[in-house]
Amino acid sequence: MVNISQVRQAIITALPKETSSYGNPINSKQLYIPPGHENALQLNCNLIVGARGVGKSTWTSALAEPQSKSIIGANISELENTQVQKGFAETTDKELYPDIKIFNNLLQKQFEPPDIWQAVIVRWLSKVIDYKIPHKDWISSVSWVKKNAEQVVNIIQKASEHLRSNGRNALIVFDALDRTSNNWQQMDDIVRELLKQVLYLKTFSNISAKVFLREDQFSRNVKNFPDASKLLANRAELTWQMNDLHGLLWQYFCNAPGDSGLVLRGIYKEVVGEEPIKQGDVWVLHDDVKREGARQRKLFEKLAGEWMGNNSRRGSTYSWVVKHLADGTGSTSPRSFLLAIKEAAEESARKDSMYPLHYEAIKQGVQKASLNRVEEIAEDYPWIRELCGKLENLNVPIEFDSIKARWIEYYPRGPGNIKTDSLPPQNADGGWIGIKEELVRIGVFDTMRDGRINMPDIYRVGFRLGRKGGVKPVD
């Protein structure tokens, strides 16, 4: 007989200590492909848009790693014969692409973004056909590309012919493009010119490119060039539905190491009626367990009970945790979800509970996930921590005038006075209304029907704002 503490410890063991891959190799046993993400991984999908924490860096790393790519290839067969390389990413690899310092140095030396991106692409494709180009440093490579336009075309064309004759494809992947510049206008030029190069590669068979963009980058003027619609036609957006998150959770559970995996697969078998499917050394969920339904719901209720309290008035555990981790756009990131469940398991050990996950501990899990989410968003948008940190102890929903008054106390000369070492607010020129619109678009603020501003728990708790009847802010 397995007791509650054993299940609780198995949950803690199964879930990662670090919920972000930071561009590092992916554990193939934990690789989960939501049905809605399959289109984004097809070779003909060149542009993928997503918020923080939805999988852009994960898919960039997974596609570039042979073992994880082979797992993806089991679902998307065209990837089986595709060699993949990173063209820009969160991790530094100066052999493959220039980092932000080198990029800015090249721009200061009067090289243009298209020359830089062509150098990245040609460095890659020249290896495919064993053609030598200068690669002592990026200045030598970009200089050669700028002076040898015809040879650049020849390299791409010969690489395409070589790949086609060998029945293979080549894919280059670009991610974390906000790390190319700390200036919005310059970054727009960099991204726009990259998209032009991606469009150009579409004219060659067997060569493809993928660009992963943050939503705020995509919303800017990076698409205003001829034939951009050819890229937009197959654009994909990375989102996670409730069933996707629970499917991911059980992918981790079923592939937990040692006795933890045995315990959690035992629960799976008890609810589903059979063990998960074994594919090589990876346990895979049954298709109906990946979808929202009775089996998926019962699996979570086996761990947390049915209700977030003693009765149904507090809501279902299955849906409550996902909804309270959602941002203002209704999106919940897998990072936040996994972290909340892990924290809930750890906190449940301190409570008297008939389930491995106590409902009060789940609330504490949301608190921990909120703190983590605030740290994450501050990496991408340092100005958000600066501004929302000034709203501590306010209660939401709240009139925007009250928020603006608080900001004016600290920034009497307006939002243009906000100091940041990274990209500033896009709409700072629009005054405090522009800042509000930016926070709504990112999902930190949510505008209610009566015009008041709400802040979803995933941010509110970490920024220490209150809400009547809501999860308490972190002390």
Protein backbone atom coordinates (compact mmCIF):
# COMPACT_ATOMS: atom_id res chain seq x y z
CA MET A 1 0.00 0.00 0.00
CA VAL A 2 1.26 3.45 -0.95
CA ASN A 3 0.61 6.13 1.66
CA ILE A 4 -0.06 9.84 1.15
CA SER A 5 3.43 10.96 2.16
CA GLN A 6 4.98 8.61 -0.44
CA VAL A 7 2.79 10.07 -3.19
CA ARG A 8 3.61 13.59 -2.01
CA GLN A 9 7.34 12.88 -2.09
CA ALA A 10 6.97 11.31 -5.54
CA ILE A 11 5.36 14.53 -6.81
CA ILE A 12 8.22 16.61 -5.39
CA THR A 13 10.80 14.30 -6.97
CA ALA A 14 9.04 14.27 -10.35
CA LEU A 15 8.89 18.02 -10.84
CA PRO A 16 11.97 20.05 -11.76
CA LYS A 17 13.73 22.38 -9.34
CA GLU A 18 14.26 24.80 -12.20
CA THR A 19 11.19 25.42 -14.35
CA SER A 20 13.01 27.30 -17.11
CA SER A 21 15.30 25.55 -19.56
CA TYR A 22 17.26 28.77 -20.22
CA GLY A 23 17.99 27.36 -23.65
CA ASN A 24 19.73 24.26 -22.24
CA PRO A 25 19.17 20.70 -23.53
CA ILE A 26 15.73 19.25 -22.80
CA ASN A 27 15.15 16.02 -20.89
CA SER A 28 13.49 13.91 -23.56
CA LYS A 29 11.36 12.10 -20.97
CA GLN A 30 9.76 15.40 -20.00
CA LEU A 31 9.15 16.58 -23.56
CA TYR A 32 5.43 17.04 -24.10
CA ILE A 33 3.88 18.24 -27.35
CA PRO A 34 0.45 19.83 -26.87
CA PRO A 35 -1.76 19.26 -29.93
CA GLY A 36 -1.89 23.00 -30.52
CA HIS A 37 1.90 23.22 -30.82
CA GLU A 38 2.30 20.66 -33.59
CA ASN A 39 1.62 23.23 -36.30
CA ALA A 40 4.38 25.48 -34.91
CA LEU A 41 6.89 22.66 -35.35
CA GLN A 42 6.08 22.00 -39.02
CA LEU A 43 8.78 23.13 -41.43
CA ASN A 44 6.41 25.41 -43.34
CA CYS A 45 5.64 27.40 -40.18
CA ASN A 46 8.25 30.15 -40.17
CA LEU A 47 6.89 32.53 -37.53
CA ILE A 48 5.82 31.56 -34.01
CA VAL A 49 4.54 34.08 -31.47
CA GLY A 50 4.21 33.54 -27.74
CA ALA A 51 4.35 35.16 -24.31
CA ARG A 52 6.97 34.56 -21.67
CA GLY A 53 7.21 30.95 -20.49
CA VAL A 54 5.06 29.26 -23.15
CA GLY A 55 7.83 27.24 -24.78
CA LYS A 56 9.70 29.37 -27.33
CA SER A 57 13.14 28.60 -25.88
CA THR A 58 12.10 25.03 -25.08
CA TRP A 59 11.20 24.28 -28.69
CA THR A 60 14.33 26.05 -29.93
CA SER A 61 16.49 23.76 -27.79
CA ALA A 62 14.41 20.64 -28.44
CA LEU A 63 14.62 21.06 -32.21
CA ALA A 64 18.40 21.52 -32.06
CA GLU A 65 19.02 18.48 -29.82
CA PRO A 66 19.12 15.16 -31.77
CA GLN A 67 17.43 13.05 -29.07
CA SER A 68 14.55 15.42 -28.41
CA LYS A 69 14.20 16.15 -32.14
CA SER A 70 13.74 12.43 -32.78
CA ILE A 71 10.83 12.41 -30.32
CA ILE A 72 9.26 15.39 -32.08
CA GLY A 73 9.91 13.60 -35.36
CA ALA A 74 7.72 10.71 -34.20
CA ASN A 75 4.82 13.20 -34.40
CA ILE A 76 6.11 15.30 -37.30
CA SER A 77 7.81 12.95 -39.74
CA GLU A 78 9.46 15.62 -41.90
CA LEU A 79 11.75 16.50 -38.98
CA GLU A 80 13.29 13.03 -38.95
CA ASN A 81 15.50 13.89 -41.95
CA THR A 82 16.11 17.49 -40.95
CA GLN A 83 19.33 18.88 -39.54
CA VAL A 84 18.72 21.82 -37.24
CA GLN A 85 20.91 24.66 -36.09
CA LYS A 86 20.35 27.72 -33.93
CA GLY A 87 20.70 31.09 -35.64
CA PHE A 88 20.17 33.07 -32.45
CA ALA A 89 19.14 31.96 -28.98
CA GLU A 90 19.10 32.67 -25.27
CA THR A 91 22.37 30.84 -24.70
CA THR A 92 25.61 32.25 -26.09
CA ASP A 93 27.33 30.36 -28.92
CA LYS A 94 29.71 32.66 -30.78
CA GLU A 95 30.47 30.02 -33.38
CA LEU A 96 26.85 29.99 -34.53
CA TYR A 97 25.73 33.61 -34.04
CA PRO A 98 26.94 36.92 -32.57
CA ASP A 99 25.80 37.82 -29.05
CA ILE A 100 24.40 41.26 -28.19
CA LYS A 101 27.83 42.85 -27.70
CA ILE A 102 29.18 41.53 -31.00
CA PHE A 103 25.91 42.42 -32.73
CA ASN A 104 26.08 46.01 -31.52
CA ASN A 105 29.76 46.22 -32.38
CA LEU A 106 28.98 45.14 -35.94
CA LEU A 107 26.24 47.76 -36.22
CA GLN A 108 28.59 50.46 -34.91
CA LYS A 109 31.07 49.50 -37.64
CA GLN A 110 28.36 50.36 -40.17
CA PHE A 111 27.38 46.81 -41.07
CA GLU A 112 23.65 46.43 -41.70
CA PRO A 113 21.31 43.83 -40.12
CA PRO A 114 20.75 41.97 -43.45
CA ASP A 115 24.53 41.52 -43.81
CA ILE A 116 24.76 40.11 -40.29
CA TRP A 117 21.86 37.70 -40.74
CA GLN A 118 23.17 36.53 -44.12
CA ALA A 119 26.53 35.85 -42.49
CA VAL A 120 24.81 33.68 -39.84
CA ILE A 121 22.91 31.77 -42.52
CA VAL A 122 25.86 31.34 -44.89
CA ARG A 123 28.23 30.25 -42.12
CA TRP A 124 25.71 27.47 -41.47
CA LEU A 125 25.03 26.46 -45.07
CA SER A 126 28.69 26.62 -46.12
CA LYS A 127 29.31 23.72 -43.73
CA VAL A 128 26.53 21.73 -45.39
CA ILE A 129 28.45 21.80 -48.70
CA ASP A 130 31.93 21.98 -47.14
CA TYR A 131 32.62 25.45 -48.60
CA LYS A 132 35.11 27.65 -46.77
CA ILE A 133 34.28 31.25 -45.94
CA PRO A 134 36.15 33.52 -43.50
CA HIS A 135 35.09 32.69 -39.95
CA LYS A 136 37.97 33.86 -37.74
CA ASP A 137 35.49 36.28 -36.21
CA TRP A 138 32.14 37.82 -37.11
CA ILE A 139 33.67 40.94 -38.64
CA SER A 140 35.52 38.82 -41.20
CA SER A 141 32.39 36.77 -41.99
CA VAL A 142 30.07 39.77 -42.35
CA SER A 143 32.66 41.66 -44.42
CA TRP A 144 32.95 38.71 -46.80
CA VAL A 145 29.18 38.44 -47.16
CA LYS A 146 28.86 42.15 -47.90
CA LYS A 147 31.49 41.96 -50.65
CA ASN A 148 30.42 38.64 -52.20
CA ALA A 149 26.68 38.83 -52.86
CA GLU A 150 26.80 36.44 -55.82
CA GLN A 151 28.75 33.79 -53.92
CA VAL A 152 26.27 34.06 -51.06
CA VAL A 153 23.45 33.14 -53.43
CA ASN A 154 25.53 30.30 -54.88
CA ILE A 155 26.18 28.83 -51.45
CA ILE A 156 22.48 28.85 -50.54
CA GLN A 157 21.49 27.37 -53.90
CA LYS A 158 24.14 24.62 -53.82
CA ALA A 159 23.21 23.76 -50.25
CA SER A 160 19.58 23.44 -51.29
CA GLU A 161 20.50 21.18 -54.22
CA HIS A 162 22.77 19.06 -52.00
CA LEU A 163 20.05 18.59 -49.40
CA ARG A 164 17.42 17.74 -52.01
CA SER A 165 19.65 15.16 -53.71
CA ASN A 166 20.22 13.46 -50.35
CA GLY A 167 16.57 13.56 -49.31
CA ARG A 168 17.27 15.85 -46.38
CA ASN A 169 16.11 19.22 -45.04
CA ALA A 170 17.88 21.92 -43.09
CA LEU A 171 16.27 24.22 -40.53
CA ILE A 172 17.72 27.25 -38.76
CA VAL A 173 15.94 28.55 -35.65
CA PHE A 174 15.96 32.07 -34.18
CA ASP A 175 14.82 32.90 -30.64
CA ALA A 176 15.35 35.51 -27.89
CA LEU A 177 15.67 38.35 -30.40
CA ASP A 178 15.00 40.91 -27.67
CA ARG A 179 18.64 40.21 -26.74
CA THR A 180 19.93 41.74 -29.97
CA SER A 181 19.44 45.35 -28.85
CA ASN A 182 18.31 47.60 -25.99
CA ASN A 183 16.72 50.05 -28.40
CA TRP A 184 13.23 49.40 -29.78
CA GLN A 185 13.77 51.05 -33.17
CA GLN A 186 17.03 49.22 -33.70
CA MET A 187 15.52 45.92 -32.61
CA ASP A 188 12.61 46.48 -35.02
CA ASP A 189 15.09 46.86 -37.87
CA ILE A 190 16.98 43.74 -36.78
CA VAL A 191 13.82 41.61 -36.56
CA ARG A 192 12.33 42.98 -39.79
CA GLU A 193 15.52 42.23 -41.72
CA LEU A 194 15.64 38.74 -40.27
CA LEU A 195 12.07 38.08 -41.40
CA LYS A 196 13.05 39.24 -44.89
CA GLN A 197 15.86 36.67 -44.91
CA VAL A 198 13.45 33.98 -43.74
CA LEU A 199 11.11 34.88 -46.59
CA TYR A 200 14.02 34.73 -49.05
CA LEU A 201 14.95 31.22 -47.86
CA LYS A 202 11.42 30.07 -48.73
CA THR A 203 12.40 30.34 -52.40
CA PHE A 204 14.84 27.45 -51.91
CA SER A 205 13.60 23.91 -51.46
CA ASN A 206 14.75 21.89 -48.47
CA ILE A 207 15.90 24.97 -46.50
CA SER A 208 13.67 26.44 -43.81
CA ALA A 209 13.86 28.92 -40.95
CA LYS A 210 11.78 29.50 -37.82
CA VAL A 211 11.57 32.71 -35.84
CA PHE A 212 10.15 32.73 -32.31
CA LEU A 213 8.93 36.19 -31.28
CA ARG A 214 7.53 37.70 -28.12
CA GLU A 215 4.06 39.16 -28.57
CA ASP A 216 5.26 42.72 -28.06
CA GLN A 217 7.88 42.29 -30.78
CA PHE A 218 5.33 40.90 -33.20
CA SER A 219 2.92 43.77 -32.53
CA ARG A 220 5.47 46.35 -33.68
CA ASN A 221 6.42 47.46 -37.20
CA VAL A 222 8.41 44.36 -38.08
CA LYS A 223 5.96 43.09 -40.69
CA ASN A 224 5.81 46.15 -42.96
CA PHE A 225 7.71 44.83 -45.99
CA PRO A 226 6.60 43.37 -49.34
CA ASP A 227 5.16 39.83 -49.23
CA ALA A 228 5.27 39.65 -45.42
CA SER A 229 1.83 38.04 -45.73
CA LYS A 230 3.55 34.88 -47.01
CA LEU A 231 5.10 34.48 -43.56
CA LEU A 232 1.99 35.52 -41.68
CA ALA A 233 -0.20 33.00 -43.50
CA ASN A 234 1.31 30.09 -41.57
CA ARG A 235 1.97 31.94 -38.33
CA ALA A 236 1.44 29.94 -35.13
CA GLU A 237 0.75 31.11 -31.59
CA LEU A 238 1.98 29.13 -28.60
CA THR A 239 -0.70 28.76 -25.95
CA TRP A 240 -1.45 26.19 -23.26
CA GLN A 241 -5.01 25.08 -22.59
CA MET A 242 -6.04 23.61 -19.24
CA ASN A 243 -5.85 20.06 -20.59
CA ASP A 244 -2.38 20.74 -22.03
CA LEU A 245 -1.07 21.77 -18.62
CA HIS A 246 -2.51 18.72 -16.89
CA GLY A 247 -1.14 16.51 -19.68
CA LEU A 248 2.31 18.01 -19.18
CA LEU A 249 2.03 17.42 -15.43
CA TRP A 250 1.36 13.70 -15.91
CA GLN A 251 4.12 13.43 -18.49
CA TYR A 252 6.49 14.51 -15.71
CA PHE A 253 4.79 12.21 -13.19
CA CYS A 254 4.84 9.09 -15.35
CA ASN A 255 8.52 9.60 -16.19
CA ALA A 256 9.67 10.36 -12.66
CA PRO A 257 12.85 8.52 -11.65
CA GLY A 258 12.95 5.31 -9.62
CA ASP A 259 10.26 4.54 -7.07
CA SER A 260 8.61 7.93 -7.64
CA GLY A 261 7.73 6.89 -11.17
CA LEU A 262 6.38 3.56 -9.95
CA VAL A 263 4.15 5.29 -7.40
CA LEU A 264 2.74 7.85 -9.83
CA ARG A 265 2.28 5.38 -12.69
CA GLY A 266 0.40 3.23 -10.18
CA ILE A 267 -2.06 6.08 -9.61
CA TYR A 268 -2.33 6.56 -13.36
CA LYS A 269 -3.16 2.88 -13.83
CA GLU A 270 -5.69 2.96 -10.98
CA VAL A 271 -7.61 5.84 -12.60
CA VAL A 272 -7.12 5.11 -16.30
CA GLY A 273 -7.27 1.32 -16.07
CA GLU A 274 -3.88 0.67 -17.65
CA GLU A 275 -0.32 1.92 -17.47
CA PRO A 276 0.87 4.74 -19.72
CA ILE A 277 2.32 3.63 -23.06
CA LYS A 278 6.01 2.71 -23.12
CA GLN A 279 7.94 4.06 -26.13
CA GLY A 280 11.61 3.19 -25.76
CA ASP A 281 12.57 4.52 -22.34
CA VAL A 282 9.79 7.16 -22.31
CA TRP A 283 6.31 6.72 -20.84
CA VAL A 284 3.62 8.39 -22.98
CA LEU A 285 0.05 9.30 -22.01
CA HIS A 286 -3.00 7.82 -23.71
CA ASP A 287 -4.64 10.25 -26.14
CA ASP A 288 -7.80 10.72 -24.09
CA VAL A 289 -5.72 11.59 -21.00
CA LYS A 290 -4.19 14.46 -22.98
CA ARG A 291 -7.67 15.90 -23.52
CA GLU A 292 -9.94 17.48 -20.96
CA GLY A 293 -12.34 14.83 -19.74
CA ALA A 294 -13.31 12.55 -16.90
CA ARG A 295 -10.01 10.67 -16.81
CA GLN A 296 -7.81 13.74 -16.73
CA ARG A 297 -9.95 15.40 -14.08
CA LYS A 298 -10.05 12.27 -11.91
CA LEU A 299 -6.28 11.96 -12.07
CA PHE A 300 -5.84 15.38 -10.46
CA GLU A 301 -8.66 14.80 -7.98
CA LYS A 302 -6.84 11.66 -6.87
CA LEU A 303 -4.04 13.96 -5.74
CA ALA A 304 -5.93 17.03 -4.53
CA GLY A 305 -9.53 16.06 -3.89
CA GLU A 306 -12.47 17.49 -5.74
CA TRP A 307 -12.92 20.93 -4.15
CA MET A 308 -10.79 23.87 -3.00
CA GLY A 309 -12.38 23.58 0.43
CA ASN A 310 -15.00 21.50 2.17
CA ASN A 311 -17.60 21.91 -0.57
CA SER A 312 -18.17 23.02 -4.15
CA ARG A 313 -18.54 26.72 -3.30
CA ARG A 314 -14.76 27.15 -3.37
CA GLY A 315 -14.42 25.68 -6.85
CA SER A 316 -12.85 22.64 -8.47
CA THR A 317 -9.20 21.88 -7.72
CA TYR A 318 -8.71 20.78 -11.34
CA SER A 319 -9.61 24.17 -12.80
CA TRP A 320 -8.92 26.50 -9.85
CA VAL A 321 -5.15 26.25 -9.94
CA VAL A 322 -4.96 26.92 -13.70
CA LYS A 323 -7.38 29.86 -13.60
CA HIS A 324 -5.59 31.52 -10.69
CA LEU A 325 -2.27 31.27 -12.51
CA ALA A 326 -3.65 32.94 -15.66
CA ASP A 327 -2.56 36.42 -16.71
CA GLY A 328 -4.85 39.18 -17.95
CA THR A 329 -5.07 37.56 -21.38
CA GLY A 330 -6.26 34.27 -19.84
CA SER A 331 -2.96 32.51 -20.52
CA THR A 332 -1.28 30.23 -17.96
CA SER A 333 2.36 29.30 -18.47
CA PRO A 334 3.58 25.73 -17.87
CA ARG A 335 6.41 27.09 -15.73
CA SER A 336 3.99 28.69 -13.29
CA PHE A 337 1.76 25.60 -13.21
CA LEU A 338 4.55 23.11 -12.47
CA LEU A 339 6.10 25.37 -9.85
CA ALA A 340 2.74 25.84 -8.09
CA ILE A 341 2.14 22.08 -7.90
CA LYS A 342 5.64 21.38 -6.60
CA GLU A 343 5.30 24.06 -3.92
CA ALA A 344 1.84 22.75 -3.01
CA ALA A 345 3.29 19.27 -2.43
CA GLU A 346 6.05 20.65 -0.24
CA GLU A 347 3.64 22.77 1.82
CA SER A 348 1.11 19.95 2.15
CA ALA A 349 3.60 18.00 4.24
CA ARG A 350 3.00 20.59 6.97
CA LYS A 351 -0.78 20.13 6.94
CA ASP A 352 -3.21 17.46 8.08
CA SER A 353 -4.67 16.30 4.77
CA MET A 354 -6.38 13.23 3.38
CA TYR A 355 -4.83 14.00 -0.03
CA PRO A 356 -1.22 14.50 -1.17
CA LEU A 357 -2.10 18.10 -2.13
CA HIS A 358 -4.01 20.18 0.42
CA TYR A 359 -6.17 22.96 -1.02
CA GLU A 360 -4.58 25.58 1.27
CA ALA A 361 -1.16 24.42 0.12
CA ILE A 362 -2.29 24.87 -3.49
CA LYS A 363 -2.99 28.52 -2.65
CA GLN A 364 0.54 28.77 -1.29
CA GLY A 365 1.74 27.24 -4.51
CA VAL A 366 0.05 30.09 -6.39
CA GLN A 367 1.85 32.55 -4.11
CA LYS A 368 5.23 30.99 -4.92
CA ALA A 369 4.43 30.89 -8.64
CA SER A 370 3.44 34.55 -8.54
CA LEU A 371 6.73 35.57 -6.96
CA ASN A 372 8.57 33.57 -9.61
CA ARG A 373 6.48 35.09 -12.40
CA VAL A 374 7.28 38.60 -11.18
CA GLU A 375 10.98 37.73 -11.34
CA GLU A 376 10.57 36.31 -14.84
CA ILE A 377 8.71 39.28 -16.25
CA ALA A 378 11.23 41.63 -14.68
CA GLU A 379 13.91 39.95 -16.81
CA ASP A 380 12.03 40.84 -19.99
CA TYR A 381 10.50 44.11 -18.78
CA PRO A 382 12.48 45.67 -15.88
CA TRP A 383 10.23 48.73 -16.04
CA ILE A 384 7.22 46.61 -15.01
CA ARG A 385 8.84 45.73 -11.68
CA GLU A 386 9.70 49.40 -11.26
CA LEU A 387 6.14 50.60 -11.83
CA CYS A 388 4.08 47.78 -10.31
CA GLY A 389 6.35 47.70 -7.28
CA LYS A 390 5.06 51.18 -6.50
CA LEU A 391 1.47 49.86 -6.25
CA GLU A 392 2.08 47.72 -3.15
CA ASN A 393 -0.86 47.60 -0.68
CA LEU A 394 -3.42 48.95 -3.15
CA ASN A 395 -6.55 46.83 -3.56
CA VAL A 396 -7.92 45.78 -6.93
CA PRO A 397 -10.19 46.27 -8.82
CA ILE A 398 -9.27 49.94 -8.72
CA GLU A 399 -9.84 53.09 -10.75
CA PHE A 400 -6.90 53.84 -12.99
CA ASP A 401 -6.73 57.40 -11.64
CA SER A 402 -5.69 55.95 -8.27
CA ILE A 403 -2.91 53.98 -9.93
CA LYS A 404 -1.80 57.00 -11.92
CA ALA A 405 -1.73 59.12 -8.76
CA ARG A 406 0.62 56.63 -7.11
CA TRP A 407 2.93 56.67 -10.12
CA ILE A 408 2.96 60.46 -10.30
CA GLU A 409 4.24 60.53 -6.71
CA TYR A 410 7.39 58.76 -7.85
CA TYR A 411 7.62 60.05 -11.42
CA PRO A 412 6.22 63.60 -11.47
CA ARG A 413 7.82 64.22 -14.88
CA GLY A 414 6.04 61.24 -16.46
CA PRO A 415 6.95 57.73 -17.64
CA GLY A 416 9.81 58.99 -19.78
CA ASN A 417 11.74 59.35 -16.51
CA ILE A 418 11.68 55.58 -15.78
CA LYS A 419 15.23 54.26 -15.71
CA THR A 420 15.98 50.88 -17.27
CA ASP A 421 19.03 49.12 -18.68
CA SER A 422 16.84 47.13 -21.05
CA LEU A 423 14.06 47.90 -23.52
CA PRO A 424 11.88 50.72 -22.13
CA PRO A 425 8.05 50.73 -22.26
CA GLN A 426 6.91 50.77 -25.89
CA ASN A 427 4.17 53.34 -25.29
CA ALA A 428 5.98 55.70 -22.93
CA ASP A 429 5.29 58.54 -25.39
CA GLY A 430 1.58 58.01 -24.74
CA GLY A 431 1.93 59.05 -21.11
CA TRP A 432 0.39 57.04 -18.28
CA ILE A 433 -2.48 55.94 -20.54
CA GLY A 434 0.10 54.45 -22.89
CA ILE A 435 1.71 52.60 -19.98
CA LYS A 436 -1.68 51.24 -18.93
CA GLU A 437 -2.38 49.99 -22.45
CA GLU A 438 1.03 48.32 -22.51
CA LEU A 439 0.37 46.52 -19.21
CA VAL A 440 -3.04 45.38 -20.47
CA ARG A 441 -1.50 44.02 -23.66
CA ILE A 442 1.22 42.14 -21.78
CA GLY A 443 -1.39 40.72 -19.39
CA VAL A 444 -0.32 42.37 -16.13
CA PHE A 445 -3.45 44.54 -16.07
CA ASP A 446 -6.97 43.52 -16.99
CA THR A 447 -9.57 46.18 -17.81
CA MET A 448 -13.00 45.34 -16.38
CA ARG A 449 -16.31 46.22 -18.03
CA ASP A 450 -16.80 49.20 -15.73
CA GLY A 451 -13.35 50.55 -16.67
CA ARG A 452 -11.62 49.66 -13.42
CA ILE A 453 -8.25 47.93 -13.46
CA ASN A 454 -7.80 44.42 -12.12
CA MET A 455 -4.53 42.57 -11.69
CA PRO A 456 -4.63 38.76 -12.03
CA ASP A 457 -3.33 36.73 -9.10
CA ILE A 458 -0.24 35.57 -10.96
CA TYR A 459 1.05 39.17 -10.74
CA ARG A 460 -1.06 40.69 -7.95
CA VAL A 461 0.20 38.34 -5.25
CA GLY A 462 3.86 38.85 -6.13
CA PHE A 463 3.51 42.62 -6.38
CA ARG A 464 1.68 42.58 -3.02
CA LEU A 465 -1.64 44.10 -4.01
CA GLY A 466 -4.80 43.01 -2.24
CA ARG A 467 -8.16 41.78 -3.51
CA LYS A 468 -11.24 40.97 -1.46
CA GLY A 469 -11.62 37.20 -1.14
CA GLY A 470 -8.51 36.52 -3.24
CA VAL A 471 -5.28 34.69 -2.58
CA LYS A 472 -3.36 36.72 -0.01
CA PRO A 473 -0.28 38.68 -1.12
CA VAL A 474 3.05 37.31 -0.03
CA ASP A 475 4.18 38.74 3.30
